[in-house]
Amino acid sequence: METAPARLRGKASWLIGRITLYAHRRIADALAGEGAHGHHFSILAALVEFGPASQITIGQRCLIDRSDMAEMVTELVDQGLVVRATDPGDRRRNVITLTPAGRRRFERLDAVLEQAQRELFAPLTPAEHHQLVNLLGRVFDHQLSTVGAEPVRSRGR
């Protein structure tokens, strides 16, 4: 198989973009096998880590567009994984709370994603993988601090 031109392969942004396509496909397929979506995992992860929060706060933490957030929360409520209730302190807000079933679902999806991560990054040693995550995290944090956090619209999921 022919490879990309050296000028492209020498650009980290190009490599990240191409790897993102592979990663997105692998993660989407792994989650689809569980009847889930990436946003489902993100929302559950935020609730596990931070506890109950408003829909808006969770969406901001996970960089999920408001309309996608409303749809994903409705799906999670319908599955009994979260509870949506009106915030007694501000009746205009909804507070989302993880259920025990939601916690179990999170654990299952986390294991599925860990396996997909191992497959995607198989060429790297654990130390290299850790280093890659740290480096990408630094770039991500820098972008958040300079450009800001923009929610991502999922374009039809």
N, C-alpha and C. Protein backbone atom coordinates (compact mmCIF):
# COMPACT_ATOMS: atom_id res chain seq x y z
N MET A 1 0.84 -1.18 0.00
CA MET A 1 0.00 0.00 0.00
C MET A 1 0.89 1.25 0.00
N GLU A 2 0.51 2.22 -0.80
CA GLU A 2 1.27 3.46 -0.85
C GLU A 2 1.02 4.26 0.42
N THR A 3 2.02 5.00 0.80
CA THR A 3 1.90 5.81 2.00
C THR A 3 1.70 7.27 1.61
N ALA A 4 1.29 8.08 2.55
CA ALA A 4 1.09 9.50 2.31
C ALA A 4 2.44 10.17 2.08
N PRO A 5 2.44 11.31 1.39
CA PRO A 5 3.69 12.04 1.19
C PRO A 5 4.35 12.39 2.52
N ALA A 6 5.67 12.41 2.50
CA ALA A 6 6.44 12.70 3.72
C ALA A 6 6.06 14.05 4.32
N ARG A 7 5.76 15.01 3.46
CA ARG A 7 5.38 16.34 3.98
C ARG A 7 4.10 16.27 4.81
N LEU A 8 3.19 15.38 4.45
CA LEU A 8 1.98 15.20 5.25
C LEU A 8 2.28 14.42 6.52
N ARG A 9 2.99 13.30 6.37
CA ARG A 9 3.31 12.45 7.52
C ARG A 9 4.17 13.18 8.55
N GLY A 10 4.83 14.25 8.12
CA GLY A 10 5.64 15.05 9.04
C GLY A 10 4.85 16.12 9.78
N LYS A 11 3.57 16.22 9.50
CA LYS A 11 2.72 17.21 10.16
C LYS A 11 1.87 16.52 11.22
N ALA A 12 2.11 16.87 12.47
CA ALA A 12 1.36 16.24 13.57
C ALA A 12 -0.14 16.45 13.39
N SER A 13 -0.55 17.62 12.93
CA SER A 13 -1.98 17.89 12.76
C SER A 13 -2.60 16.95 11.73
N TRP A 14 -1.87 16.65 10.66
CA TRP A 14 -2.38 15.72 9.65
C TRP A 14 -2.50 14.32 10.23
N LEU A 15 -1.46 13.89 10.94
CA LEU A 15 -1.50 12.56 11.56
C LEU A 15 -2.63 12.45 12.58
N ILE A 16 -2.80 13.48 13.40
CA ILE A 16 -3.88 13.46 14.39
C ILE A 16 -5.23 13.36 13.68
N GLY A 17 -5.40 14.12 12.61
CA GLY A 17 -6.65 14.07 11.85
C GLY A 17 -6.94 12.69 11.29
N ARG A 18 -5.93 12.05 10.72
CA ARG A 18 -6.13 10.71 10.15
C ARG A 18 -6.38 9.68 11.25
N ILE A 19 -5.60 9.75 12.32
CA ILE A 19 -5.78 8.80 13.42
C ILE A 19 -7.15 8.99 14.05
N THR A 20 -7.61 10.24 14.10
CA THR A 20 -8.94 10.52 14.64
C THR A 20 -10.01 9.77 13.86
N LEU A 21 -9.87 9.70 12.54
CA LEU A 21 -10.84 8.97 11.73
C LEU A 21 -10.88 7.50 12.13
N TYR A 22 -9.70 6.89 12.27
CA TYR A 22 -9.63 5.48 12.69
C TYR A 22 -10.18 5.30 14.11
N ALA A 23 -9.79 6.20 14.99
CA ALA A 23 -10.24 6.10 16.39
C ALA A 23 -11.75 6.25 16.49
N HIS A 24 -12.28 7.23 15.77
CA HIS A 24 -13.72 7.47 15.80
C HIS A 24 -14.48 6.22 15.34
N ARG A 25 -14.02 5.64 14.26
CA ARG A 25 -14.67 4.44 13.73
C ARG A 25 -14.59 3.29 14.73
N ARG A 26 -13.40 3.07 15.28
CA ARG A 26 -13.21 1.95 16.22
C ARG A 26 -14.07 2.15 17.48
N ILE A 27 -14.08 3.36 18.00
CA ILE A 27 -14.86 3.64 19.21
C ILE A 27 -16.35 3.55 18.92
N ALA A 28 -16.78 4.15 17.81
CA ALA A 28 -18.21 4.09 17.45
C ALA A 28 -18.67 2.65 17.27
N ASP A 29 -17.86 1.84 16.60
CA ASP A 29 -18.22 0.42 16.41
C ASP A 29 -18.28 -0.32 17.74
N ALA A 30 -17.31 -0.07 18.61
CA ALA A 30 -17.29 -0.75 19.91
C ALA A 30 -18.51 -0.37 20.73
N LEU A 31 -18.85 0.91 20.75
CA LEU A 31 -20.01 1.36 21.52
C LEU A 31 -21.31 0.90 20.88
N ALA A 32 -21.37 0.91 19.55
CA ALA A 32 -22.58 0.46 18.86
C ALA A 32 -22.86 -1.00 19.19
N GLY A 33 -21.80 -1.79 19.35
CA GLY A 33 -21.97 -3.19 19.74
C GLY A 33 -22.62 -3.33 21.10
N GLU A 34 -22.58 -2.26 21.88
CA GLU A 34 -23.22 -2.23 23.21
C GLU A 34 -24.51 -1.42 23.19
N GLY A 35 -24.92 -0.98 21.99
CA GLY A 35 -26.13 -0.16 21.88
C GLY A 35 -25.95 1.23 22.47
N ALA A 36 -24.73 1.74 22.40
CA ALA A 36 -24.43 3.04 23.02
C ALA A 36 -23.79 3.98 22.00
N HIS A 37 -23.63 5.20 22.41
CA HIS A 37 -23.05 6.28 21.62
C HIS A 37 -21.96 6.94 22.47
N GLY A 38 -20.99 7.55 21.81
CA GLY A 38 -19.91 8.22 22.53
C GLY A 38 -20.39 9.25 23.54
N HIS A 39 -21.45 9.99 23.18
CA HIS A 39 -21.98 10.97 24.11
C HIS A 39 -22.57 10.30 25.35
N HIS A 40 -23.14 9.11 25.19
CA HIS A 40 -23.66 8.39 26.36
C HIS A 40 -22.53 8.18 27.36
N PHE A 41 -21.40 7.66 26.85
CA PHE A 41 -20.27 7.40 27.74
C PHE A 41 -19.78 8.70 28.38
N SER A 42 -19.67 9.76 27.60
CA SER A 42 -19.18 11.04 28.14
C SER A 42 -20.06 11.54 29.28
N ILE A 43 -21.36 11.48 29.08
CA ILE A 43 -22.29 11.95 30.11
C ILE A 43 -22.18 11.09 31.37
N LEU A 44 -22.17 9.78 31.18
CA LEU A 44 -22.05 8.88 32.34
C LEU A 44 -20.72 9.12 33.06
N ALA A 45 -19.64 9.31 32.31
CA ALA A 45 -18.33 9.55 32.92
C ALA A 45 -18.34 10.84 33.74
N ALA A 46 -18.97 11.88 33.22
CA ALA A 46 -19.05 13.15 33.96
C ALA A 46 -19.84 12.97 35.26
N LEU A 47 -20.92 12.20 35.20
CA LEU A 47 -21.71 11.97 36.41
C LEU A 47 -20.97 11.12 37.42
N VAL A 48 -20.22 10.13 36.95
CA VAL A 48 -19.43 9.30 37.86
C VAL A 48 -18.37 10.15 38.55
N GLU A 49 -17.70 11.00 37.79
CA GLU A 49 -16.60 11.79 38.35
C GLU A 49 -17.06 12.97 39.20
N PHE A 50 -18.08 13.68 38.74
CA PHE A 50 -18.46 14.93 39.39
C PHE A 50 -19.77 14.87 40.18
N GLY A 51 -20.55 13.82 40.00
CA GLY A 51 -21.84 13.72 40.67
C GLY A 51 -22.93 14.46 39.91
N PRO A 52 -24.13 14.55 40.51
CA PRO A 52 -25.26 15.19 39.84
C PRO A 52 -24.92 16.61 39.40
N ALA A 53 -25.46 16.97 38.24
CA ALA A 53 -25.20 18.30 37.70
C ALA A 53 -26.31 18.66 36.72
N SER A 54 -26.36 19.93 36.37
CA SER A 54 -27.35 20.37 35.39
C SER A 54 -26.95 19.85 34.01
N GLN A 55 -27.95 19.76 33.15
CA GLN A 55 -27.69 19.34 31.77
C GLN A 55 -26.68 20.27 31.12
N ILE A 56 -26.82 21.55 31.37
CA ILE A 56 -25.92 22.54 30.77
C ILE A 56 -24.49 22.33 31.25
N THR A 57 -24.32 22.11 32.55
CA THR A 57 -22.98 21.90 33.10
C THR A 57 -22.33 20.65 32.51
N ILE A 58 -23.09 19.57 32.43
CA ILE A 58 -22.54 18.33 31.87
C ILE A 58 -22.16 18.55 30.41
N GLY A 59 -23.03 19.22 29.66
CA GLY A 59 -22.72 19.50 28.26
C GLY A 59 -21.45 20.32 28.10
N GLN A 60 -21.27 21.30 28.98
CA GLN A 60 -20.06 22.13 28.92
C GLN A 60 -18.82 21.31 29.28
N ARG A 61 -18.93 20.47 30.30
CA ARG A 61 -17.78 19.65 30.69
C ARG A 61 -17.37 18.68 29.59
N CYS A 62 -18.35 18.16 28.88
CA CYS A 62 -18.09 17.14 27.87
C CYS A 62 -18.00 17.71 26.45
N LEU A 63 -18.17 19.03 26.33
CA LEU A 63 -18.16 19.70 25.03
C LEU A 63 -19.21 19.11 24.08
N ILE A 64 -20.41 18.92 24.60
CA ILE A 64 -21.52 18.39 23.82
C ILE A 64 -22.51 19.52 23.53
N ASP A 65 -22.90 19.66 22.28
CA ASP A 65 -23.87 20.65 21.85
C ASP A 65 -25.18 20.49 22.62
N ARG A 66 -25.86 21.61 22.91
CA ARG A 66 -27.09 21.58 23.72
C ARG A 66 -28.17 20.66 23.14
N SER A 67 -28.37 20.72 21.83
CA SER A 67 -29.42 19.88 21.25
C SER A 67 -29.06 18.41 21.33
N ASP A 68 -27.80 18.08 21.10
CA ASP A 68 -27.35 16.69 21.27
C ASP A 68 -27.49 16.26 22.72
N MET A 69 -27.16 17.17 23.63
CA MET A 69 -27.21 16.87 25.05
C MET A 69 -28.64 16.51 25.47
N ALA A 70 -29.61 17.29 25.03
CA ALA A 70 -31.01 17.02 25.37
C ALA A 70 -31.43 15.65 24.86
N GLU A 71 -31.05 15.34 23.63
CA GLU A 71 -31.40 14.05 23.04
C GLU A 71 -30.73 12.89 23.78
N MET A 72 -29.45 13.03 24.09
CA MET A 72 -28.71 11.96 24.76
C MET A 72 -29.24 11.72 26.18
N VAL A 73 -29.55 12.81 26.89
CA VAL A 73 -30.09 12.65 28.24
C VAL A 73 -31.44 11.95 28.19
N THR A 74 -32.27 12.31 27.23
CA THR A 74 -33.56 11.64 27.08
C THR A 74 -33.36 10.14 26.85
N GLU A 75 -32.41 9.78 26.00
CA GLU A 75 -32.13 8.36 25.76
C GLU A 75 -31.67 7.67 27.05
N LEU A 76 -30.80 8.32 27.80
CA LEU A 76 -30.31 7.73 29.06
C LEU A 76 -31.42 7.61 30.10
N VAL A 77 -32.31 8.60 30.14
CA VAL A 77 -33.46 8.53 31.05
C VAL A 77 -34.35 7.36 30.65
N ASP A 78 -34.63 7.24 29.35
CA ASP A 78 -35.49 6.16 28.85
C ASP A 78 -34.91 4.78 29.17
N GLN A 79 -33.59 4.69 29.25
CA GLN A 79 -32.92 3.42 29.56
C GLN A 79 -32.78 3.19 31.07
N GLY A 80 -33.21 4.17 31.86
CA GLY A 80 -33.11 4.04 33.31
C GLY A 80 -31.71 4.23 33.86
N LEU A 81 -30.83 4.88 33.07
CA LEU A 81 -29.44 5.05 33.48
C LEU A 81 -29.20 6.35 34.24
N VAL A 82 -30.06 7.33 34.02
CA VAL A 82 -30.01 8.60 34.74
C VAL A 82 -31.43 9.03 35.07
N VAL A 83 -31.52 9.93 36.04
CA VAL A 83 -32.80 10.55 36.39
C VAL A 83 -32.66 12.04 36.11
N ARG A 84 -33.69 12.59 35.46
CA ARG A 84 -33.71 14.03 35.19
C ARG A 84 -34.81 14.63 36.08
N ALA A 85 -34.43 15.62 36.89
CA ALA A 85 -35.40 16.26 37.78
C ALA A 85 -35.21 17.77 37.73
N THR A 86 -36.26 18.48 38.01
CA THR A 86 -36.18 19.94 38.06
C THR A 86 -35.36 20.34 39.28
N ASP A 87 -34.45 21.27 39.08
CA ASP A 87 -33.62 21.79 40.17
C ASP A 87 -34.52 22.61 41.11
N PRO A 88 -34.62 22.19 42.38
CA PRO A 88 -35.48 22.94 43.31
C PRO A 88 -35.01 24.38 43.52
N GLY A 89 -33.73 24.64 43.32
CA GLY A 89 -33.20 25.99 43.49
C GLY A 89 -33.39 26.88 42.27
N ASP A 90 -33.65 26.27 41.12
CA ASP A 90 -33.84 27.02 39.87
C ASP A 90 -34.72 26.17 38.96
N ARG A 91 -35.99 26.43 38.97
CA ARG A 91 -36.97 25.59 38.27
C ARG A 91 -36.76 25.56 36.75
N ARG A 92 -35.89 26.43 36.23
CA ARG A 92 -35.62 26.43 34.79
C ARG A 92 -34.57 25.39 34.41
N ARG A 93 -33.87 24.85 35.40
CA ARG A 93 -32.78 23.91 35.15
C ARG A 93 -33.21 22.48 35.46
N ASN A 94 -32.60 21.55 34.72
CA ASN A 94 -32.74 20.13 35.03
C ASN A 94 -31.45 19.64 35.67
N VAL A 95 -31.58 18.83 36.71
CA VAL A 95 -30.42 18.19 37.32
C VAL A 95 -30.45 16.72 36.93
N ILE A 96 -29.31 16.24 36.47
CA ILE A 96 -29.18 14.86 36.03
C ILE A 96 -28.41 14.09 37.10
N THR A 97 -28.96 12.93 37.47
CA THR A 97 -28.35 12.09 38.51
C THR A 97 -28.18 10.68 37.97
N LEU A 98 -27.05 10.09 38.25
CA LEU A 98 -26.76 8.72 37.83
C LEU A 98 -27.54 7.73 38.68
N THR A 99 -28.08 6.69 38.05
CA THR A 99 -28.75 5.61 38.79
C THR A 99 -27.75 4.47 38.99
N PRO A 100 -28.06 3.51 39.87
CA PRO A 100 -27.18 2.34 40.00
C PRO A 100 -27.00 1.61 38.66
N ALA A 101 -28.07 1.52 37.87
CA ALA A 101 -27.96 0.89 36.55
C ALA A 101 -27.02 1.70 35.65
N GLY A 102 -27.06 3.03 35.80
CA GLY A 102 -26.17 3.89 35.02
C GLY A 102 -24.72 3.68 35.39
N ARG A 103 -24.47 3.46 36.66
CA ARG A 103 -23.10 3.19 37.13
C ARG A 103 -22.59 1.88 36.54
N ARG A 104 -23.44 0.85 36.55
CA ARG A 104 -23.05 -0.44 35.97
C ARG A 104 -22.81 -0.31 34.46
N ARG A 105 -23.67 0.45 33.81
CA ARG A 105 -23.52 0.67 32.36
C ARG A 105 -22.21 1.39 32.08
N PHE A 106 -21.90 2.40 32.88
CA PHE A 106 -20.64 3.11 32.71
C PHE A 106 -19.46 2.15 32.82
N GLU A 107 -19.46 1.30 33.84
CA GLU A 107 -18.35 0.35 34.04
C GLU A 107 -18.20 -0.56 32.82
N ARG A 108 -19.31 -1.03 32.27
CA ARG A 108 -19.26 -1.90 31.09
C ARG A 108 -18.70 -1.14 29.88
N LEU A 109 -19.22 0.05 29.62
CA LEU A 109 -18.75 0.84 28.48
C LEU A 109 -17.29 1.23 28.65
N ASP A 110 -16.87 1.52 29.87
CA ASP A 110 -15.48 1.86 30.14
C ASP A 110 -14.57 0.69 29.78
N ALA A 111 -14.98 -0.52 30.12
CA ALA A 111 -14.19 -1.71 29.79
C ALA A 111 -14.12 -1.91 28.27
N VAL A 112 -15.23 -1.69 27.59
CA VAL A 112 -15.28 -1.82 26.13
C VAL A 112 -14.34 -0.79 25.49
N LEU A 113 -14.37 0.43 25.99
CA LEU A 113 -13.49 1.47 25.43
C LEU A 113 -12.03 1.21 25.75
N GLU A 114 -11.74 0.66 26.90
CA GLU A 114 -10.35 0.31 27.23
C GLU A 114 -9.81 -0.70 26.23
N GLN A 115 -10.62 -1.69 25.89
CA GLN A 115 -10.20 -2.69 24.90
C GLN A 115 -9.98 -2.05 23.54
N ALA A 116 -10.88 -1.18 23.13
CA ALA A 116 -10.72 -0.48 21.84
C ALA A 116 -9.46 0.38 21.85
N GLN A 117 -9.16 1.01 22.98
CA GLN A 117 -7.94 1.81 23.10
C GLN A 117 -6.70 0.94 22.96
N ARG A 118 -6.72 -0.22 23.60
CA ARG A 118 -5.57 -1.13 23.50
C ARG A 118 -5.34 -1.55 22.05
N GLU A 119 -6.41 -1.84 21.33
CA GLU A 119 -6.28 -2.24 19.93
C GLU A 119 -5.77 -1.09 19.07
N LEU A 120 -6.31 0.10 19.28
CA LEU A 120 -5.93 1.26 18.48
C LEU A 120 -4.46 1.62 18.69
N PHE A 121 -4.00 1.53 19.92
CA PHE A 121 -2.64 1.95 20.24
C PHE A 121 -1.70 0.76 20.47
N ALA A 122 -2.03 -0.37 19.88
CA ALA A 122 -1.24 -1.59 20.04
C ALA A 122 0.24 -1.42 19.72
N PRO A 123 0.63 -0.59 18.75
CA PRO A 123 2.06 -0.47 18.46
C PRO A 123 2.87 0.22 19.56
N LEU A 124 2.20 0.87 20.50
CA LEU A 124 2.90 1.61 21.54
C LEU A 124 3.08 0.78 22.80
N THR A 125 4.19 1.00 23.47
CA THR A 125 4.37 0.40 24.80
C THR A 125 3.46 1.16 25.77
N PRO A 126 3.20 0.60 26.94
CA PRO A 126 2.41 1.35 27.93
C PRO A 126 3.02 2.72 28.25
N ALA A 127 4.33 2.79 28.35
CA ALA A 127 4.99 4.07 28.65
C ALA A 127 4.79 5.07 27.50
N GLU A 128 4.90 4.59 26.27
CA GLU A 128 4.68 5.47 25.11
C GLU A 128 3.23 5.94 25.05
N HIS A 129 2.32 5.04 25.33
CA HIS A 129 0.90 5.42 25.34
C HIS A 129 0.64 6.48 26.40
N HIS A 130 1.19 6.30 27.58
CA HIS A 130 1.04 7.28 28.66
C HIS A 130 1.62 8.63 28.23
N GLN A 131 2.79 8.60 27.61
CA GLN A 131 3.42 9.83 27.14
C GLN A 131 2.56 10.51 26.07
N LEU A 132 2.01 9.74 25.14
CA LEU A 132 1.15 10.29 24.10
C LEU A 132 -0.08 10.97 24.72
N VAL A 133 -0.71 10.30 25.66
CA VAL A 133 -1.89 10.88 26.32
C VAL A 133 -1.51 12.18 27.03
N ASN A 134 -0.38 12.20 27.71
CA ASN A 134 0.06 13.43 28.39
C ASN A 134 0.33 14.56 27.41
N LEU A 135 1.00 14.26 26.31
CA LEU A 135 1.30 15.29 25.31
C LEU A 135 0.02 15.83 24.67
N LEU A 136 -0.87 14.93 24.28
CA LEU A 136 -2.13 15.37 23.68
C LEU A 136 -2.96 16.16 24.69
N GLY A 137 -2.92 15.75 25.95
CA GLY A 137 -3.63 16.49 27.00
C GLY A 137 -3.11 17.91 27.14
N ARG A 138 -1.80 18.08 27.03
CA ARG A 138 -1.22 19.43 27.11
C ARG A 138 -1.69 20.29 25.95
N VAL A 139 -1.69 19.72 24.75
CA VAL A 139 -2.15 20.47 23.57
C VAL A 139 -3.64 20.82 23.73
N PHE A 140 -4.42 19.85 24.18
CA PHE A 140 -5.86 20.06 24.39
C PHE A 140 -6.09 21.18 25.41
N ASP A 141 -5.42 21.11 26.55
CA ASP A 141 -5.57 22.13 27.59
C ASP A 141 -5.17 23.51 27.07
N HIS A 142 -4.10 23.56 26.28
CA HIS A 142 -3.66 24.83 25.70
C HIS A 142 -4.74 25.39 24.78
N GLN A 143 -5.31 24.54 23.94
CA GLN A 143 -6.36 25.00 23.04
C GLN A 143 -7.58 25.49 23.82
N LEU A 144 -7.95 24.78 24.87
CA LEU A 144 -9.08 25.22 25.69
C LEU A 144 -8.82 26.59 26.30
N SER A 145 -7.59 26.81 26.75
CA SER A 145 -7.29 28.08 27.41
C SER A 145 -7.13 29.24 26.43
N THR A 146 -6.75 28.95 25.19
CA THR A 146 -6.54 30.03 24.23
C THR A 146 -7.72 30.22 23.28
N VAL A 147 -8.32 29.14 22.86
CA VAL A 147 -9.41 29.21 21.89
C VAL A 147 -10.77 29.14 22.58
N GLY A 148 -10.84 28.36 23.64
CA GLY A 148 -12.10 28.17 24.36
C GLY A 148 -12.73 26.84 24.02
N ALA A 149 -13.73 26.52 24.78
CA ALA A 149 -14.42 25.24 24.63
C ALA A 149 -15.64 25.43 23.75
N GLU A 150 -15.64 24.77 22.62
CA GLU A 150 -16.78 24.79 21.72
C GLU A 150 -17.41 23.41 21.71
N PRO A 151 -18.70 23.31 22.04
CA PRO A 151 -19.35 22.01 21.96
C PRO A 151 -19.32 21.47 20.54
N VAL A 152 -19.29 20.17 20.43
CA VAL A 152 -19.23 19.53 19.12
C VAL A 152 -20.60 19.00 18.77
N ARG A 153 -21.12 19.42 17.64
CA ARG A 153 -22.40 18.91 17.13
C ARG A 153 -22.10 17.60 16.43
N SER A 154 -22.90 16.58 16.71
CA SER A 154 -22.56 15.24 16.22
C SER A 154 -22.99 14.95 14.80
N ARG A 155 -23.60 15.86 14.11
CA ARG A 155 -24.01 15.66 12.71
C ARG A 155 -24.73 14.34 12.50
N GLY A 156 -25.82 14.18 13.18
CA GLY A 156 -26.62 12.98 12.98
C GLY A 156 -26.10 11.76 13.69
N ARG A 157 -25.14 11.95 14.56
CA ARG A 157 -24.56 10.89 15.37
C ARG A 157 -23.70 10.05 14.52
